Amino acid sequence: MPLSQEKLCSRGFNQSWELARRLDCGKHILKNPYILKRHHHAQHQANESRANRQIAIQDKFYINPQYQGQLESASVIVFDDVMTSGATLNEIARVLKDNGVSRVINWVLLRTLRPSQRSEHV
């Protein structure tokens, strides 16, 4: 899950990459945190509705031109630490498929509860 340069500089690390790089996936899965890039999005999405998240995340991701040719007919795994609404992962899948990827697989460490489930656990 890419971070914008601004977010990466302020945080100092990308938590998704720190987790993913430690996974032993064997020799056949190449890990590369530089293929997908993210434009800075100043607004925090934690309290936004699903619809607002989908709108806010549109066109925030792009392919690093250096890797453009490597995506044709590829299968790509996107690793994220936490999935909330799925809007970000859906947008990333759209961008990857628009750039020639044939299959996108999402690996997510944690998933937040849906709003209706949150109220039941409070």
PDB file of N, CA and C in Angstrom:
ATOM      1  N   MET A   1       0.858  -1.167   0.000  1.00  0.00           N
ATOM      2  CA  MET A   1       0.000   0.000   0.000  1.00  0.00           C
ATOM      3  C   MET A   1       0.908   1.234   0.000  1.00  0.00           C
ATOM      4  N   PRO A   2       0.915   1.958  -1.080  1.00  0.00           N
ATOM      5  CA  PRO A   2       1.816   3.113  -1.146  1.00  0.00           C
ATOM      6  C   PRO A   2       1.322   4.289  -0.313  1.00  0.00           C
ATOM      7  N   LEU A   3       2.276   5.062   0.181  1.00  0.00           N
ATOM      8  CA  LEU A   3       1.997   6.328   0.854  1.00  0.00           C
ATOM      9  C   LEU A   3       2.475   7.449  -0.060  1.00  0.00           C
ATOM     10  N   SER A   4       1.868   8.607   0.065  1.00  0.00           N
ATOM     11  CA  SER A   4       2.376   9.767  -0.668  1.00  0.00           C
ATOM     12  C   SER A   4       3.741  10.139  -0.091  1.00  0.00           C
ATOM     13  N   GLN A   5       4.550  10.863  -0.865  1.00  0.00           N
ATOM     14  CA  GLN A   5       5.859  11.317  -0.376  1.00  0.00           C
ATOM     15  C   GLN A   5       5.711  12.134   0.905  1.00  0.00           C
ATOM     16  N   GLU A   6       4.685  12.988   0.944  1.00  0.00           N
ATOM     17  CA  GLU A   6       4.472  13.841   2.123  1.00  0.00           C
ATOM     18  C   GLU A   6       4.185  12.993   3.361  1.00  0.00           C
ATOM     19  N   LYS A   7       3.314  12.009   3.222  1.00  0.00           N
ATOM     20  CA  LYS A   7       2.954  11.150   4.347  1.00  0.00           C
ATOM     21  C   LYS A   7       4.146  10.294   4.777  1.00  0.00           C
ATOM     22  N   LEU A   8       4.872   9.772   3.806  1.00  0.00           N
ATOM     23  CA  LEU A   8       6.044   8.960   4.108  1.00  0.00           C
ATOM     24  C   LEU A   8       7.102   9.777   4.848  1.00  0.00           C
ATOM     25  N   CYS A   9       7.319  11.006   4.417  1.00  0.00           N
ATOM     26  CA  CYS A   9       8.303  11.875   5.081  1.00  0.00           C
ATOM     27  C   CYS A   9       7.875  12.223   6.504  1.00  0.00           C
ATOM     28  N   SER A  10       6.585  12.496   6.705  1.00  0.00           N
ATOM     29  CA  SER A  10       6.132  12.867   8.053  1.00  0.00           C
ATOM     30  C   SER A  10       6.115  11.662   8.992  1.00  0.00           C
ATOM     31  N   ARG A  11       5.764  10.480   8.484  1.00  0.00           N
ATOM     32  CA  ARG A  11       5.696   9.286   9.321  1.00  0.00           C
ATOM     33  C   ARG A  11       7.071   8.631   9.471  1.00  0.00           C
ATOM     34  N   GLY A  12       7.858   8.654   8.402  1.00  0.00           N
ATOM     35  CA  GLY A  12       9.190   8.069   8.447  1.00  0.00           C
ATOM     36  C   GLY A  12       9.258   6.623   7.982  1.00  0.00           C
ATOM     37  N   PHE A  13       8.133   5.978   7.782  1.00  0.00           N
ATOM     38  CA  PHE A  13       8.110   4.594   7.321  1.00  0.00           C
ATOM     39  C   PHE A  13       6.726   4.276   6.758  1.00  0.00           C
ATOM     40  N   ASN A  14       6.665   3.214   5.970  1.00  0.00           N
ATOM     41  CA  ASN A  14       5.398   2.727   5.433  1.00  0.00           C
ATOM     42  C   ASN A  14       5.090   1.421   6.170  1.00  0.00           C
ATOM     43  N   GLN A  15       4.095   1.445   7.038  1.00  0.00           N
ATOM     44  CA  GLN A  15       3.813   0.291   7.887  1.00  0.00           C
ATOM     45  C   GLN A  15       3.450  -0.953   7.069  1.00  0.00           C
ATOM     46  N   SER A  16       2.740  -0.799   5.963  1.00  0.00           N
ATOM     47  CA  SER A  16       2.389  -1.951   5.134  1.00  0.00           C
ATOM     48  C   SER A  16       3.635  -2.586   4.541  1.00  0.00           C
ATOM     49  N   TRP A  17       4.555  -1.760   4.038  1.00  0.00           N
ATOM     50  CA  TRP A  17       5.789  -2.293   3.476  1.00  0.00           C
ATOM     51  C   TRP A  17       6.640  -2.949   4.556  1.00  0.00           C
ATOM     52  N   GLU A  18       6.705  -2.373   5.747  1.00  0.00           N
ATOM     53  CA  GLU A  18       7.497  -2.957   6.834  1.00  0.00           C
ATOM     54  C   GLU A  18       6.997  -4.352   7.184  1.00  0.00           C
ATOM     55  N   LEU A  19       5.693  -4.553   7.142  1.00  0.00           N
ATOM     56  CA  LEU A  19       5.121  -5.884   7.393  1.00  0.00           C
ATOM     57  C   LEU A  19       5.353  -6.815   6.202  1.00  0.00           C
ATOM     58  N   ALA A  20       5.051  -6.342   5.000  1.00  0.00           N
ATOM     59  CA  ALA A  20       5.134  -7.186   3.800  1.00  0.00           C
ATOM     60  C   ALA A  20       6.561  -7.639   3.516  1.00  0.00           C
ATOM     61  N   ARG A  21       7.518  -6.777   3.721  1.00  0.00           N
ATOM     62  CA  ARG A  21       8.898  -7.145   3.386  1.00  0.00           C
ATOM     63  C   ARG A  21       9.446  -8.251   4.280  1.00  0.00           C
ATOM     64  N   ARG A  22       8.809  -8.457   5.418  1.00  0.00           N
ATOM     65  CA  ARG A  22       9.253  -9.504   6.334  1.00  0.00           C
ATOM     66  C   ARG A  22       8.587 -10.860   6.066  1.00  0.00           C
ATOM     67  N   LEU A  23       7.593 -10.892   5.185  1.00  0.00           N
ATOM     68  CA  LEU A  23       6.931 -12.146   4.844  1.00  0.00           C
ATOM     69  C   LEU A  23       7.830 -12.984   3.943  1.00  0.00           C
ATOM     70  N   ASP A  24       7.961 -14.254   4.265  1.00  0.00           N
ATOM     71  CA  ASP A  24       8.724 -15.166   3.411  1.00  0.00           C
ATOM     72  C   ASP A  24       7.761 -15.757   2.395  1.00  0.00           C
ATOM     73  N   CYS A  25       7.809 -15.258   1.179  1.00  0.00           N
ATOM     74  CA  CYS A  25       6.888 -15.682   0.115  1.00  0.00           C
ATOM     75  C   CYS A  25       7.552 -16.612  -0.888  1.00  0.00           C
ATOM     76  N   GLY A  26       8.758 -17.025  -0.624  1.00  0.00           N
ATOM     77  CA  GLY A  26       9.461 -17.887  -1.566  1.00  0.00           C
ATOM     78  C   GLY A  26      10.092 -17.083  -2.689  1.00  0.00           C
ATOM     79  N   LYS A  27      10.658 -17.787  -3.640  1.00  0.00           N
ATOM     80  CA  LYS A  27      11.407 -17.156  -4.728  1.00  0.00           C
ATOM     81  C   LYS A  27      10.521 -16.625  -5.844  1.00  0.00           C
ATOM     82  N   HIS A  28       9.285 -17.110  -5.942  1.00  0.00           N
ATOM     83  CA  HIS A  28       8.445 -16.791  -7.091  1.00  0.00           C
ATOM     84  C   HIS A  28       7.644 -15.501  -6.937  1.00  0.00           C
ATOM     85  N   ILE A  29       7.644 -14.934  -5.755  1.00  0.00           N
ATOM     86  CA  ILE A  29       6.926 -13.670  -5.539  1.00  0.00           C
ATOM     87  C   ILE A  29       7.958 -12.575  -5.321  1.00  0.00           C
ATOM     88  N   LEU A  30       7.988 -11.628  -6.241  1.00  0.00           N
ATOM     89  CA  LEU A  30       8.901 -10.500  -6.143  1.00  0.00           C
ATOM     90  C   LEU A  30       8.195  -9.352  -5.435  1.00  0.00           C
ATOM     91  N   LYS A  31       8.843  -8.766  -4.462  1.00  0.00           N
ATOM     92  CA  LYS A  31       8.263  -7.648  -3.716  1.00  0.00           C
ATOM     93  C   LYS A  31       8.866  -6.346  -4.228  1.00  0.00           C
ATOM     94  N   ASN A  32       8.002  -5.386  -4.484  1.00  0.00           N
ATOM     95  CA  ASN A  32       8.490  -4.098  -4.986  1.00  0.00           C
ATOM     96  C   ASN A  32       7.548  -2.986  -4.522  1.00  0.00           C
ATOM     97  N   PRO A  33       7.985  -2.173  -3.575  1.00  0.00           N
ATOM     98  CA  PRO A  33       7.128  -1.098  -3.068  1.00  0.00           C
ATOM     99  C   PRO A  33       7.124   0.152  -3.951  1.00  0.00           C
ATOM    100  N   TYR A  34       7.796   0.105  -5.111  1.00  0.00           N
ATOM    101  CA  TYR A  34       7.947   1.300  -5.938  1.00  0.00           C
ATOM    102  C   TYR A  34       7.084   1.316  -7.199  1.00  0.00           C
ATOM    103  N   ILE A  35       6.374   0.238  -7.484  1.00  0.00           N
ATOM    104  CA  ILE A  35       5.580   0.154  -8.714  1.00  0.00           C
ATOM    105  C   ILE A  35       4.384   1.100  -8.674  1.00  0.00           C
ATOM    106  N   LEU A  36       3.686   1.106  -7.568  1.00  0.00           N
ATOM    107  CA  LEU A  36       2.489   1.933  -7.424  1.00  0.00           C
ATOM    108  C   LEU A  36       2.817   3.168  -6.586  1.00  0.00           C
ATOM    109  N   LYS A  37       2.403   4.312  -7.062  1.00  0.00           N
ATOM    110  CA  LYS A  37       2.637   5.579  -6.370  1.00  0.00           C
ATOM    111  C   LYS A  37       1.308   6.199  -5.962  1.00  0.00           C
ATOM    112  N   ARG A  38       1.379   7.117  -5.005  1.00  0.00           N
ATOM    113  CA  ARG A  38       0.166   7.761  -4.504  1.00  0.00           C
ATOM    114  C   ARG A  38       0.352   9.271  -4.455  1.00  0.00           C
ATOM    115  N   HIS A  39      -0.634   9.994  -5.000  1.00  0.00           N
ATOM    116  CA  HIS A  39      -0.662  11.442  -4.845  1.00  0.00           C
ATOM    117  C   HIS A  39      -1.066  11.751  -3.417  1.00  0.00           C
ATOM    118  N   HIS A  40      -0.585  12.879  -2.901  1.00  0.00           N
ATOM    119  CA  HIS A  40      -0.900  13.259  -1.517  1.00  0.00           C
ATOM    120  C   HIS A  40      -2.383  13.573  -1.367  1.00  0.00           C
ATOM    121  N   HIS A  41      -2.946  13.092  -0.277  1.00  0.00           N
ATOM    122  CA  HIS A  41      -4.357  13.343   0.052  1.00  0.00           C
ATOM    123  C   HIS A  41      -4.366  13.874   1.486  1.00  0.00           C
ATOM    124  N   ALA A  42      -4.523  15.168   1.634  1.00  0.00           N
ATOM    125  CA  ALA A  42      -4.400  15.806   2.942  1.00  0.00           C
ATOM    126  C   ALA A  42      -5.517  15.424   3.910  1.00  0.00           C
ATOM    127  N   GLN A  43      -6.690  15.159   3.399  1.00  0.00           N
ATOM    128  CA  GLN A  43      -7.845  14.871   4.257  1.00  0.00           C
ATOM    129  C   GLN A  43      -7.773  13.449   4.799  1.00  0.00           C
ATOM    130  N   HIS A  44      -7.948  13.288   6.118  1.00  0.00           N
ATOM    131  CA  HIS A  44      -7.973  11.983   6.758  1.00  0.00           C
ATOM    132  C   HIS A  44      -9.340  11.349   6.523  1.00  0.00           C
ATOM    133  N   GLN A  45      -9.371  10.054   6.183  1.00  0.00           N
ATOM    134  CA  GLN A  45     -10.621   9.407   5.799  1.00  0.00           C
ATOM    135  C   GLN A  45     -11.268   8.573   6.898  1.00  0.00           C
ATOM    136  N   ALA A  46     -10.671   8.502   8.066  1.00  0.00           N
ATOM    137  CA  ALA A  46     -11.128   7.559   9.098  1.00  0.00           C
ATOM    138  C   ALA A  46     -12.614   7.686   9.436  1.00  0.00           C
ATOM    139  N   ASN A  47     -13.155   8.883   9.462  1.00  0.00           N
ATOM    140  CA  ASN A  47     -14.555   9.065   9.853  1.00  0.00           C
ATOM    141  C   ASN A  47     -15.492   9.293   8.673  1.00  0.00           C
ATOM    142  N   GLU A  48     -15.003   9.077   7.466  1.00  0.00           N
ATOM    143  CA  GLU A  48     -15.823   9.303   6.276  1.00  0.00           C
ATOM    144  C   GLU A  48     -16.708   8.092   5.973  1.00  0.00           C
ATOM    145  N   SER A  49     -17.808   8.342   5.300  1.00  0.00           N
ATOM    146  CA  SER A  49     -18.695   7.257   4.871  1.00  0.00           C
ATOM    147  C   SER A  49     -18.034   6.488   3.741  1.00  0.00           C
ATOM    148  N   ARG A  50     -18.558   5.322   3.444  1.00  0.00           N
ATOM    149  CA  ARG A  50     -18.029   4.501   2.351  1.00  0.00           C
ATOM    150  C   ARG A  50     -18.087   5.258   1.028  1.00  0.00           C
ATOM    151  N   ALA A  51     -19.207   5.922   0.765  1.00  0.00           N
ATOM    152  CA  ALA A  51     -19.368   6.672  -0.488  1.00  0.00           C
ATOM    153  C   ALA A  51     -18.346   7.798  -0.579  1.00  0.00           C
ATOM    154  N   ASN A  52     -18.136   8.523   0.518  1.00  0.00           N
ATOM    155  CA  ASN A  52     -17.158   9.614   0.517  1.00  0.00           C
ATOM    156  C   ASN A  52     -15.734   9.093   0.357  1.00  0.00           C
ATOM    157  N   ARG A  53     -15.447   7.938   0.927  1.00  0.00           N
ATOM    158  CA  ARG A  53     -14.117   7.334   0.772  1.00  0.00           C
ATOM    159  C   ARG A  53     -13.857   6.988  -0.689  1.00  0.00           C
ATOM    160  N   GLN A  54     -14.858   6.423  -1.350  1.00  0.00           N
ATOM    161  CA  GLN A  54     -14.699   6.051  -2.753  1.00  0.00           C
ATOM    162  C   GLN A  54     -14.442   7.271  -3.624  1.00  0.00           C
ATOM    163  N   ILE A  55     -15.153   8.354  -3.352  1.00  0.00           N
ATOM    164  CA  ILE A  55     -14.963   9.586  -4.120  1.00  0.00           C
ATOM    165  C   ILE A  55     -13.586  10.185  -3.841  1.00  0.00           C
ATOM    166  N   ALA A  56     -13.203  10.214  -2.571  1.00  0.00           N
ATOM    167  CA  ALA A  56     -11.945  10.857  -2.173  1.00  0.00           C
ATOM    168  C   ALA A  56     -10.714  10.133  -2.719  1.00  0.00           C
ATOM    169  N   ILE A  57     -10.799   8.839  -2.915  1.00  0.00           N
ATOM    170  CA  ILE A  57      -9.626   8.063  -3.312  1.00  0.00           C
ATOM    171  C   ILE A  57      -9.450   7.965  -4.830  1.00  0.00           C
ATOM    172  N   GLN A  58     -10.456   8.393  -5.584  1.00  0.00           N
ATOM    173  CA  GLN A  58     -10.370   8.308  -7.042  1.00  0.00           C
ATOM    174  C   GLN A  58      -9.171   9.096  -7.565  1.00  0.00           C
ATOM    175  N   ASP A  59      -8.433   8.464  -8.453  1.00  0.00           N
ATOM    176  CA  ASP A  59      -7.290   9.071  -9.133  1.00  0.00           C
ATOM    177  C   ASP A  59      -6.151   9.477  -8.196  1.00  0.00           C
ATOM    178  N   LYS A  60      -6.065   8.865  -7.043  1.00  0.00           N
ATOM    179  CA  LYS A  60      -4.970   9.147  -6.114  1.00  0.00           C
ATOM    180  C   LYS A  60      -3.753   8.255  -6.349  1.00  0.00           C
ATOM    181  N   PHE A  61      -3.917   7.188  -7.155  1.00  0.00           N
ATOM    182  CA  PHE A  61      -2.828   6.248  -7.406  1.00  0.00           C
ATOM    183  C   PHE A  61      -2.432   6.265  -8.871  1.00  0.00           C
ATOM    184  N   TYR A  62      -1.162   5.985  -9.118  1.00  0.00           N
ATOM    185  CA  TYR A  62      -0.666   5.905 -10.483  1.00  0.00           C
ATOM    186  C   TYR A  62       0.528   4.957 -10.526  1.00  0.00           C
ATOM    187  N   ILE A  63       0.831   4.481 -11.709  1.00  0.00           N
ATOM    188  CA  ILE A  63       1.937   3.539 -11.904  1.00  0.00           C
ATOM    189  C   ILE A  63       3.223   4.317 -12.135  1.00  0.00           C
ATOM    190  N   ASN A  64       4.267   3.931 -11.437  1.00  0.00           N
ATOM    191  CA  ASN A  64       5.592   4.494 -11.660  1.00  0.00           C
ATOM    192  C   ASN A  64       5.988   4.128 -13.098  1.00  0.00           C
ATOM    193  N   PRO A  65       6.232   5.126 -13.949  1.00  0.00           N
ATOM    194  CA  PRO A  65       6.540   4.848 -15.363  1.00  0.00           C
ATOM    195  C   PRO A  65       7.705   3.875 -15.564  1.00  0.00           C
ATOM    196  N   GLN A  66       8.615   3.826 -14.627  1.00  0.00           N
ATOM    197  CA  GLN A  66       9.773   2.940 -14.703  1.00  0.00           C
ATOM    198  C   GLN A  66       9.350   1.458 -14.763  1.00  0.00           C
ATOM    199  N   TYR A  67       8.181   1.134 -14.193  1.00  0.00           N
ATOM    200  CA  TYR A  67       7.741  -0.256 -14.114  1.00  0.00           C
ATOM    201  C   TYR A  67       6.553  -0.567 -15.018  1.00  0.00           C
ATOM    202  N   GLN A  68       6.116   0.387 -15.795  1.00  0.00           N
ATOM    203  CA  GLN A  68       4.929   0.242 -16.636  1.00  0.00           C
ATOM    204  C   GLN A  68       4.945  -1.036 -17.467  1.00  0.00           C
ATOM    205  N   GLY A  69       6.045  -1.320 -18.124  1.00  0.00           N
ATOM    206  CA  GLY A  69       6.127  -2.473 -19.013  1.00  0.00           C
ATOM    207  C   GLY A  69       6.104  -3.817 -18.312  1.00  0.00           C
ATOM    208  N   GLN A  70       6.360  -3.853 -17.033  1.00  0.00           N
ATOM    209  CA  GLN A  70       6.416  -5.113 -16.301  1.00  0.00           C
ATOM    210  C   GLN A  70       5.045  -5.615 -15.862  1.00  0.00           C
ATOM    211  N   LEU A  71       4.003  -4.831 -16.070  1.00  0.00           N
ATOM    212  CA  LEU A  71       2.682  -5.181 -15.547  1.00  0.00           C
ATOM    213  C   LEU A  71       1.803  -5.958 -16.516  1.00  0.00           C
ATOM    214  N   GLU A  72       2.136  -5.954 -17.789  1.00  0.00           N
ATOM    215  CA  GLU A  72       1.288  -6.600 -18.791  1.00  0.00           C
ATOM    216  C   GLU A  72       1.065  -8.071 -18.458  1.00  0.00           C
ATOM    217  N   SER A  73      -0.192  -8.429 -18.253  1.00  0.00           N
ATOM    218  CA  SER A  73      -0.641  -9.796 -17.951  1.00  0.00           C
ATOM    219  C   SER A  73      -0.090 -10.347 -16.630  1.00  0.00           C
ATOM    220  N   ALA A  74       0.379  -9.498 -15.767  1.00  0.00           N
ATOM    221  CA  ALA A  74       0.936  -9.940 -14.485  1.00  0.00           C
ATOM    222  C   ALA A  74      -0.157 -10.169 -13.452  1.00  0.00           C
ATOM    223  N   SER A  75       0.157 -10.987 -12.458  1.00  0.00           N
ATOM    224  CA  SER A  75      -0.652 -11.102 -11.246  1.00  0.00           C
ATOM    225  C   SER A  75       0.058 -10.285 -10.179  1.00  0.00           C
ATOM    226  N   VAL A  76      -0.688  -9.446  -9.488  1.00  0.00           N
ATOM    227  CA  VAL A  76      -0.098  -8.549  -8.500  1.00  0.00           C
ATOM    228  C   VAL A  76      -0.794  -8.749  -7.157  1.00  0.00           C
ATOM    229  N   ILE A  77       0.014  -8.830  -6.104  1.00  0.00           N
ATOM    230  CA  ILE A  77      -0.518  -8.895  -4.744  1.00  0.00           C
ATOM    231  C   ILE A  77      -0.349  -7.523  -4.121  1.00  0.00           C
ATOM    232  N   VAL A  78      -1.437  -6.981  -3.587  1.00  0.00           N
ATOM    233  CA  VAL A  78      -1.401  -5.705  -2.877  1.00  0.00           C
ATOM    234  C   VAL A  78      -1.546  -6.034  -1.393  1.00  0.00           C
ATOM    235  N   PHE A  79      -0.588  -5.592  -0.597  1.00  0.00           N
ATOM    236  CA  PHE A  79      -0.602  -5.861   0.839  1.00  0.00           C
ATOM    237  C   PHE A  79      -0.983  -4.594   1.582  1.00  0.00           C
ATOM    238  N   ASP A  80      -1.929  -4.709   2.491  1.00  0.00           N
ATOM    239  CA  ASP A  80      -2.332  -3.572   3.324  1.00  0.00           C
ATOM    240  C   ASP A  80      -2.423  -4.036   4.768  1.00  0.00           C
ATOM    241  N   ASP A  81      -2.096  -3.151   5.684  1.00  0.00           N
ATOM    242  CA  ASP A  81      -2.160  -3.520   7.096  1.00  0.00           C
ATOM    243  C   ASP A  81      -3.602  -3.563   7.601  1.00  0.00           C
ATOM    244  N   VAL A  82      -4.418  -2.561   7.226  1.00  0.00           N
ATOM    245  CA  VAL A  82      -5.802  -2.488   7.694  1.00  0.00           C
ATOM    246  C   VAL A  82      -6.722  -2.112   6.543  1.00  0.00           C
ATOM    247  N   MET A  83      -7.819  -2.841   6.403  1.00  0.00           N
ATOM    248  CA  MET A  83      -8.845  -2.497   5.414  1.00  0.00           C
ATOM    249  C   MET A  83     -10.072  -1.997   6.174  1.00  0.00           C
ATOM    250  N   THR A  84     -10.555  -0.834   5.766  1.00  0.00           N
ATOM    251  CA  THR A  84     -11.757  -0.289   6.388  1.00  0.00           C
ATOM    252  C   THR A  84     -12.937  -0.534   5.468  1.00  0.00           C
ATOM    253  N   SER A  85     -13.107   0.283   4.458  1.00  0.00           N
ATOM    254  CA  SER A  85     -14.254   0.133   3.552  1.00  0.00           C
ATOM    255  C   SER A  85     -13.913  -0.695   2.310  1.00  0.00           C
ATOM    256  N   GLY A  86     -12.636  -0.799   1.982  1.00  0.00           N
ATOM    257  CA  GLY A  86     -12.218  -1.477   0.759  1.00  0.00           C
ATOM    258  C   GLY A  86     -12.095  -0.533  -0.429  1.00  0.00           C
ATOM    259  N   ALA A  87     -12.445   0.748  -0.249  1.00  0.00           N
ATOM    260  CA  ALA A  87     -12.402   1.713  -1.341  1.00  0.00           C
ATOM    261  C   ALA A  87     -10.988   1.879  -1.897  1.00  0.00           C
ATOM    262  N   THR A  88     -10.004   1.934  -1.032  1.00  0.00           N
ATOM    263  CA  THR A  88      -8.623   2.107  -1.486  1.00  0.00           C
ATOM    264  C   THR A  88      -8.157   0.894  -2.276  1.00  0.00           C
ATOM    265  N   LEU A  89      -8.420  -0.302  -1.773  1.00  0.00           N
ATOM    266  CA  LEU A  89      -8.019  -1.511  -2.484  1.00  0.00           C
ATOM    267  C   LEU A  89      -8.743  -1.635  -3.821  1.00  0.00           C
ATOM    268  N   ASN A  90     -10.006  -1.245  -3.878  1.00  0.00           N
ATOM    269  CA  ASN A  90     -10.744  -1.273  -5.141  1.00  0.00           C
ATOM    270  C   ASN A  90     -10.150  -0.301  -6.152  1.00  0.00           C
ATOM    271  N   GLU A  91      -9.789   0.889  -5.695  1.00  0.00           N
ATOM    272  CA  GLU A  91      -9.196   1.884  -6.594  1.00  0.00           C
ATOM    273  C   GLU A  91      -7.836   1.411  -7.104  1.00  0.00           C
ATOM    274  N   ILE A  92      -7.043   0.817  -6.230  1.00  0.00           N
ATOM    275  CA  ILE A  92      -5.740   0.296  -6.641  1.00  0.00           C
ATOM    276  C   ILE A  92      -5.921  -0.810  -7.674  1.00  0.00           C
ATOM    277  N   ALA A  93      -6.867  -1.704  -7.455  1.00  0.00           N
ATOM    278  CA  ALA A  93      -7.129  -2.782  -8.413  1.00  0.00           C
ATOM    279  C   ALA A  93      -7.533  -2.210  -9.767  1.00  0.00           C
ATOM    280  N   ARG A  94      -8.354  -1.166  -9.759  1.00  0.00           N
ATOM    281  CA  ARG A  94      -8.776  -0.526 -11.006  1.00  0.00           C
ATOM    282  C   ARG A  94      -7.569   0.032 -11.752  1.00  0.00           C
ATOM    283  N   VAL A  95      -6.709   0.751 -11.048  1.00  0.00           N
ATOM    284  CA  VAL A  95      -5.526   1.354 -11.672  1.00  0.00           C
ATOM    285  C   VAL A  95      -4.605   0.271 -12.228  1.00  0.00           C
ATOM    286  N   LEU A  96      -4.377  -0.770 -11.456  1.00  0.00           N
ATOM    287  CA  LEU A  96      -3.505  -1.848 -11.919  1.00  0.00           C
ATOM    288  C   LEU A  96      -4.077  -2.532 -13.159  1.00  0.00           C
ATOM    289  N   LYS A  97      -5.359  -2.839 -13.143  1.00  0.00           N
ATOM    290  CA  LYS A  97      -5.981  -3.503 -14.295  1.00  0.00           C
ATOM    291  C   LYS A  97      -6.024  -2.585 -15.511  1.00  0.00           C
ATOM    292  N   ASP A  98      -6.228  -1.287 -15.293  1.00  0.00           N
ATOM    293  CA  ASP A  98      -6.191  -0.330 -16.400  1.00  0.00           C
ATOM    294  C   ASP A  98      -4.803  -0.252 -17.033  1.00  0.00           C
ATOM    295  N   ASN A  99      -3.794  -0.728 -16.302  1.00  0.00           N
ATOM    296  CA  ASN A  99      -2.415  -0.697 -16.788  1.00  0.00           C
ATOM    297  C   ASN A  99      -1.878  -2.080 -17.133  1.00  0.00           C
ATOM    298  N   GLY A 100      -2.784  -3.008 -17.456  1.00  0.00           N
ATOM    299  CA  GLY A 100      -2.367  -4.286 -18.004  1.00  0.00           C
ATOM    300  C   GLY A 100      -2.308  -5.467 -17.067  1.00  0.00           C
ATOM    301  N   VAL A 101      -2.483  -5.249 -15.766  1.00  0.00           N
ATOM    302  CA  VAL A 101      -2.449  -6.363 -14.819  1.00  0.00           C
ATOM    303  C   VAL A 101      -3.656  -7.263 -15.067  1.00  0.00           C
ATOM    304  N   SER A 102      -3.431  -8.563 -15.080  1.00  0.00           N
ATOM    305  CA  SER A 102      -4.545  -9.486 -15.340  1.00  0.00           C
ATOM    306  C   SER A 102      -5.260  -9.904 -14.064  1.00  0.00           C
ATOM    307  N   ARG A 103      -4.555  -9.910 -12.939  1.00  0.00           N
ATOM    308  CA  ARG A 103      -5.154 -10.379 -11.684  1.00  0.00           C
ATOM    309  C   ARG A 103      -4.586  -9.599 -10.508  1.00  0.00           C
ATOM    310  N   VAL A 104      -5.475  -9.120  -9.633  1.00  0.00           N
ATOM    311  CA  VAL A 104      -5.063  -8.409  -8.426  1.00  0.00           C
ATOM    312  C   VAL A 104      -5.555  -9.197  -7.223  1.00  0.00           C
ATOM    313  N   ILE A 105      -4.635  -9.490  -6.324  1.00  0.00           N
ATOM    314  CA  ILE A 105      -4.941 -10.220  -5.096  1.00  0.00           C
ATOM    315  C   ILE A 105      -4.641  -9.282  -3.933  1.00  0.00           C
ATOM    316  N   ASN A 106      -5.576  -9.154  -3.008  1.00  0.00           N
ATOM    317  CA  ASN A 106      -5.376  -8.309  -1.832  1.00  0.00           C
ATOM    318  C   ASN A 106      -5.068  -9.180  -0.622  1.00  0.00           C
ATOM    319  N   TRP A 107      -3.958  -8.865   0.024  1.00  0.00           N
ATOM    320  CA  TRP A 107      -3.624  -9.488   1.301  1.00  0.00           C
ATOM    321  C   TRP A 107      -3.775  -8.404   2.354  1.00  0.00           C
ATOM    322  N   VAL A 108      -4.625  -8.635   3.328  1.00  0.00           N
ATOM    323  CA  VAL A 108      -4.903  -7.648   4.364  1.00  0.00           C
ATOM    324  C   VAL A 108      -4.683  -8.292   5.726  1.00  0.00           C
ATOM    325  N   LEU A 109      -3.953  -7.612   6.587  1.00  0.00           N
ATOM    326  CA  LEU A 109      -3.662  -8.139   7.917  1.00  0.00           C
ATOM    327  C   LEU A 109      -4.876  -8.039   8.842  1.00  0.00           C
ATOM    328  N   LEU A 110      -5.512  -6.875   8.882  1.00  0.00           N
ATOM    329  CA  LEU A 110      -6.671  -6.635   9.752  1.00  0.00           C
ATOM    330  C   LEU A 110      -7.788  -5.988   8.964  1.00  0.00           C
ATOM    331  N   ARG A 111      -9.022  -6.228   9.409  1.00  0.00           N
ATOM    332  CA  ARG A 111     -10.184  -5.587   8.792  1.00  0.00           C
ATOM    333  C   ARG A 111     -11.020  -4.968   9.895  1.00  0.00           C
ATOM    334  N   THR A 112     -11.396  -3.715   9.710  1.00  0.00           N
ATOM    335  CA  THR A 112     -12.249  -3.073  10.704  1.00  0.00           C
ATOM    336  C   THR A 112     -13.665  -3.606  10.569  1.00  0.00           C
ATOM    337  N   LEU A 113     -14.432  -3.442  11.621  1.00  0.00           N
ATOM    338  CA  LEU A 113     -15.835  -3.847  11.588  1.00  0.00           C
ATOM    339  C   LEU A 113     -16.639  -2.846  10.780  1.00  0.00           C
ATOM    340  N   ARG A 114     -17.706  -3.322  10.157  1.00  0.00           N
ATOM    341  CA  ARG A 114     -18.627  -2.419   9.474  1.00  0.00           C
ATOM    342  C   ARG A 114     -19.347  -1.590  10.534  1.00  0.00           C
ATOM    343  N   PRO A 115     -19.824  -0.383  10.177  1.00  0.00           N
ATOM    344  CA  PRO A 115     -20.484   0.482  11.178  1.00  0.00           C
ATOM    345  C   PRO A 115     -21.586  -0.228  11.970  1.00  0.00           C
ATOM    346  N   SER A 116     -22.387  -1.040  11.305  1.00  0.00           N
ATOM    347  CA  SER A 116     -23.476  -1.733  12.013  1.00  0.00           C
ATOM    348  C   SER A 116     -22.923  -2.733  13.008  1.00  0.00           C
ATOM    349  N   GLN A 117     -21.786  -3.356  12.696  1.00  0.00           N
ATOM    350  CA  GLN A 117     -21.157  -4.306  13.604  1.00  0.00           C
ATOM    351  C   GLN A 117     -20.461  -3.579  14.758  1.00  0.00           C
ATOM    352  N   ARG A 118     -19.930  -2.377  14.511  1.00  0.00           N
ATOM    353  CA  ARG A 118     -19.267  -1.616  15.564  1.00  0.00           C
ATOM    354  C   ARG A 118     -20.232  -1.286  16.680  1.00  0.00           C
ATOM    355  N   SER A 119     -21.457  -0.869  16.335  1.00  0.00           N
ATOM    356  CA  SER A 119     -22.423  -0.468  17.347  1.00  0.00           C
ATOM    357  C   SER A 119     -22.849  -1.653  18.206  1.00  0.00           C
ATOM    358  N   GLU A 120     -22.789  -2.876  17.647  1.00  0.00           N
ATOM    359  CA  GLU A 120     -23.149  -4.066  18.415  1.00  0.00           C
ATOM    360  C   GLU A 120     -22.072  -4.418  19.434  1.00  0.00           C
ATOM    361  N   HIS A 121     -20.825  -3.992  19.213  1.00  0.00           N
ATOM    362  CA  HIS A 121     -19.718  -4.354  20.078  1.00  0.00           C
ATOM    363  C   HIS A 121     -19.346  -3.253  21.080  1.00  0.00           C
ATOM    364  N   VAL A 122     -20.065  -2.176  21.100  1.00  0.00           N
ATOM    365  CA  VAL A 122     -19.728  -1.054  21.993  1.00  0.00           C
ATOM    366  C   VAL A 122     -20.312  -1.270  23.351  1.00  0.00           C
TER     367      VAL A 122
END
